[in-house]
Amino acid sequence: MTIRTLLCTVVVLAITGCGSDASKGWTIGTTYETSIKTVAVPVVQNNTFDREVGYLLTKALIQQIETRTPWRVADETVADTLLEVMITKVDMRALSNSRLTKLDQEMALEITTNWTWERLNDNSTITGWDGMGTNGLFFPSNPLGERIELGRLQAVDLMAQAIVDRMAKAW
């Protein structure tokens, strides 16, 4: 078999092996819904005492949507869809203690949210998740002495990534 014949066979198999419907296997094109152009992201509701985390999550969601998806963030009056997020719990727990001082060495900041993504033209729910949680790790004890903000930012970024990933998987 010549190299030219082998190359043509590989190209034909690659083209016919891919389809336009992602539910049937490999696909050529985007995995995002093309009928949706805009997403409205109101300020995240926060039912906890950690006041800052709602604004941080709103900013992270907008950044994730605009950098990782073909959708753009728009005002609710002109958007195709609405992403509503509510923070239900922010909690910290110790993961390890120092042998010498018995102080918390490694901490996890946990964020739990409920969210829904719906079409605004017919109020149908596209996807959602109640009780989605993420953790941000930080080391408050010496020698690192990391601040709680490091764990908060990590948990917020992971939450925004998880929500946008789930939005993409809805198709």
Protein backbone atom coordinates (compact mmCIF):
# COMPACT_ATOMS: atom_id res chain seq x y z
CA MET A 1 0.00 0.00 0.00
CA THR A 2 1.44 3.36 -0.94
CA ILE A 3 1.70 6.27 1.44
CA ARG A 4 -0.75 8.25 -0.65
CA THR A 5 -3.42 5.54 -0.41
CA LEU A 6 -2.84 5.17 3.32
CA LEU A 7 -3.14 8.94 3.83
CA CYS A 8 -6.38 9.10 1.81
CA THR A 9 -7.81 6.20 3.85
CA VAL A 10 -6.97 7.92 7.14
CA VAL A 11 -8.57 11.18 5.99
CA VAL A 12 -11.76 9.42 4.84
CA LEU A 13 -12.02 7.50 8.12
CA ALA A 14 -11.46 10.67 10.15
CA ILE A 15 -14.17 12.56 8.30
CA THR A 16 -16.74 9.77 8.33
CA GLY A 17 -15.98 8.86 11.94
CA CYS A 18 -17.14 12.26 13.14
CA GLY A 19 -20.72 13.45 12.98
CA SER A 20 -22.75 16.51 13.81
CA ASP A 21 -24.66 14.99 16.73
CA ALA A 22 -22.56 14.85 19.91
CA SER A 23 -24.93 12.36 21.53
CA LYS A 24 -23.88 9.74 18.96
CA GLY A 25 -20.14 9.90 19.65
CA TRP A 26 -17.41 12.14 18.32
CA THR A 27 -18.46 15.37 16.67
CA ILE A 28 -17.02 18.18 14.62
CA GLY A 29 -18.05 21.56 15.95
CA THR A 30 -19.05 23.05 19.26
CA THR A 31 -20.58 21.23 22.23
CA TYR A 32 -22.41 24.41 23.23
CA GLU A 33 -26.00 25.18 22.27
CA THR A 34 -25.84 27.48 19.24
CA SER A 35 -29.37 28.85 19.61
CA ILE A 36 -28.31 30.60 22.84
CA LYS A 37 -26.33 33.79 22.35
CA THR A 38 -26.56 35.57 25.72
CA VAL A 39 -26.76 34.71 29.41
CA ALA A 40 -27.94 37.05 32.16
CA VAL A 41 -26.01 36.65 35.43
CA PRO A 42 -27.56 38.64 38.28
CA VAL A 43 -25.62 39.09 41.52
CA VAL A 44 -25.41 35.75 43.31
CA GLN A 45 -27.77 35.52 46.29
CA ASN A 46 -25.96 34.77 49.52
CA ASN A 47 -27.74 33.23 52.51
CA THR A 48 -24.57 33.05 54.64
CA PHE A 49 -22.65 35.38 56.90
CA ASP A 50 -19.68 35.46 54.49
CA ARG A 51 -20.74 38.63 52.67
CA GLU A 52 -17.92 38.80 50.14
CA VAL A 53 -18.32 35.37 48.57
CA GLY A 54 -21.47 36.23 46.58
CA TYR A 55 -19.80 39.08 44.73
CA LEU A 56 -16.68 37.01 44.10
CA LEU A 57 -18.75 34.18 42.63
CA THR A 58 -20.70 36.57 40.39
CA LYS A 59 -17.46 37.99 38.99
CA ALA A 60 -15.96 34.51 38.51
CA LEU A 61 -19.09 33.23 36.70
CA ILE A 62 -19.07 36.16 34.29
CA GLN A 63 -15.38 35.62 33.59
CA GLN A 64 -15.83 31.87 33.01
CA ILE A 65 -18.82 32.32 30.70
CA GLU A 66 -17.12 34.98 28.60
CA THR A 67 -13.75 33.23 28.30
CA ARG A 68 -14.78 29.58 27.95
CA THR A 69 -18.08 29.64 26.05
CA PRO A 70 -19.40 31.24 22.87
CA TRP A 71 -22.09 32.99 24.92
CA ARG A 72 -21.82 36.55 26.14
CA VAL A 73 -23.16 38.01 29.36
CA ALA A 74 -26.00 40.51 28.86
CA ASP A 75 -28.64 42.33 30.85
CA GLU A 76 -31.69 40.33 31.86
CA THR A 77 -33.97 42.48 29.67
CA VAL A 78 -32.22 41.38 26.45
CA ALA A 79 -30.68 38.00 27.35
CA ASP A 80 -31.80 34.62 25.99
CA THR A 81 -31.23 32.79 29.28
CA LEU A 82 -30.91 33.49 33.00
CA LEU A 83 -28.43 31.88 35.40
CA GLU A 84 -29.59 32.22 39.01
CA VAL A 85 -27.25 31.11 41.79
CA MET A 86 -27.81 31.04 45.55
CA ILE A 87 -25.05 30.29 48.07
CA THR A 88 -26.58 28.17 50.80
CA LYS A 89 -23.55 27.35 52.93
CA VAL A 90 -19.98 28.53 53.52
CA ASP A 91 -18.15 26.40 56.05
CA MET A 92 -14.59 25.70 57.16
CA ARG A 93 -13.17 22.46 58.45
CA ALA A 94 -9.75 21.35 59.57
CA LEU A 95 -8.12 18.68 57.44
CA SER A 96 -4.93 18.22 59.46
CA ASN A 97 -3.28 19.36 62.70
CA SER A 98 0.35 20.11 63.50
CA ARG A 99 2.04 17.39 65.59
CA LEU A 100 3.97 19.98 67.55
CA THR A 101 1.40 22.70 68.24
CA LYS A 102 -1.86 20.81 67.64
CA LEU A 103 -3.08 23.84 65.67
CA ASP A 104 -4.98 23.46 62.42
CA GLN A 105 -2.44 23.06 59.67
CA GLU A 106 -4.56 22.52 56.56
CA MET A 107 -8.08 23.98 56.22
CA ALA A 108 -10.83 23.57 53.65
CA LEU A 109 -13.32 26.33 52.91
CA GLU A 110 -16.48 24.69 51.54
CA ILE A 111 -19.07 26.50 49.43
CA THR A 112 -22.47 24.96 48.63
CA THR A 113 -24.84 26.44 46.04
CA ASN A 114 -28.21 25.88 44.42
CA TRP A 115 -28.50 27.13 40.85
CA THR A 116 -30.77 27.01 37.83
CA TRP A 117 -30.27 28.03 34.22
CA GLU A 118 -33.48 28.78 32.33
CA ARG A 119 -34.67 30.16 29.02
CA LEU A 120 -36.33 33.55 29.38
CA ASN A 121 -38.68 33.22 26.40
CA ASP A 122 -40.65 30.29 27.85
CA ASN A 123 -39.29 30.00 31.44
CA SER A 124 -38.18 26.40 30.85
CA THR A 125 -35.29 25.09 32.92
CA ILE A 126 -32.27 24.03 30.89
CA THR A 127 -30.29 22.60 33.79
CA GLY A 128 -29.59 23.14 37.46
CA TRP A 129 -28.14 21.64 40.59
CA ASP A 130 -29.16 21.81 44.24
CA GLY A 131 -26.35 21.28 46.71
CA MET A 132 -23.36 21.65 44.39
CA GLY A 133 -20.24 22.03 46.52
CA THR A 134 -16.57 22.87 46.12
CA ASN A 135 -13.59 23.24 48.44
CA GLY A 136 -10.73 25.69 48.59
CA LEU A 137 -7.63 24.67 50.53
CA PHE A 138 -5.30 26.90 52.52
CA PHE A 139 -2.62 26.51 55.21
CA PRO A 140 -3.18 29.08 57.99
CA SER A 141 -0.42 27.92 60.35
CA ASN A 142 3.29 28.73 60.15
CA PRO A 143 5.49 28.57 58.17
CA LEU A 144 3.04 29.30 55.29
CA GLY A 145 0.51 31.42 57.18
CA GLU A 146 -1.91 31.65 54.24
CA ARG A 147 -4.99 33.80 54.66
CA ILE A 148 -8.58 32.59 54.43
CA GLU A 149 -9.02 34.65 51.25
CA LEU A 150 -6.82 32.17 49.39
CA GLY A 151 -9.20 29.31 50.21
CA ARG A 152 -12.22 31.49 49.44
CA LEU A 153 -10.89 32.49 45.99
CA GLN A 154 -9.98 28.92 45.14
CA ALA A 155 -13.43 27.61 46.16
CA VAL A 156 -15.19 30.39 44.21
CA ASP A 157 -13.12 29.75 41.06
CA LEU A 158 -13.76 26.01 41.25
CA MET A 159 -17.49 26.63 41.75
CA ALA A 160 -17.66 28.93 38.71
CA GLN A 161 -15.80 26.37 36.59
CA ALA A 162 -18.10 23.56 37.76
CA ILE A 163 -21.26 25.55 36.98
CA VAL A 164 -20.05 26.52 33.48
CA ASP A 165 -18.95 22.92 32.84
CA ARG A 166 -22.44 21.73 33.79
CA MET A 167 -23.99 24.37 31.50
CA ALA A 168 -21.97 22.95 28.60
CA LYS A 169 -22.94 19.36 29.45
CA ALA A 170 -26.63 20.22 29.28
CA TRP A 171 -26.48 19.50 25.57
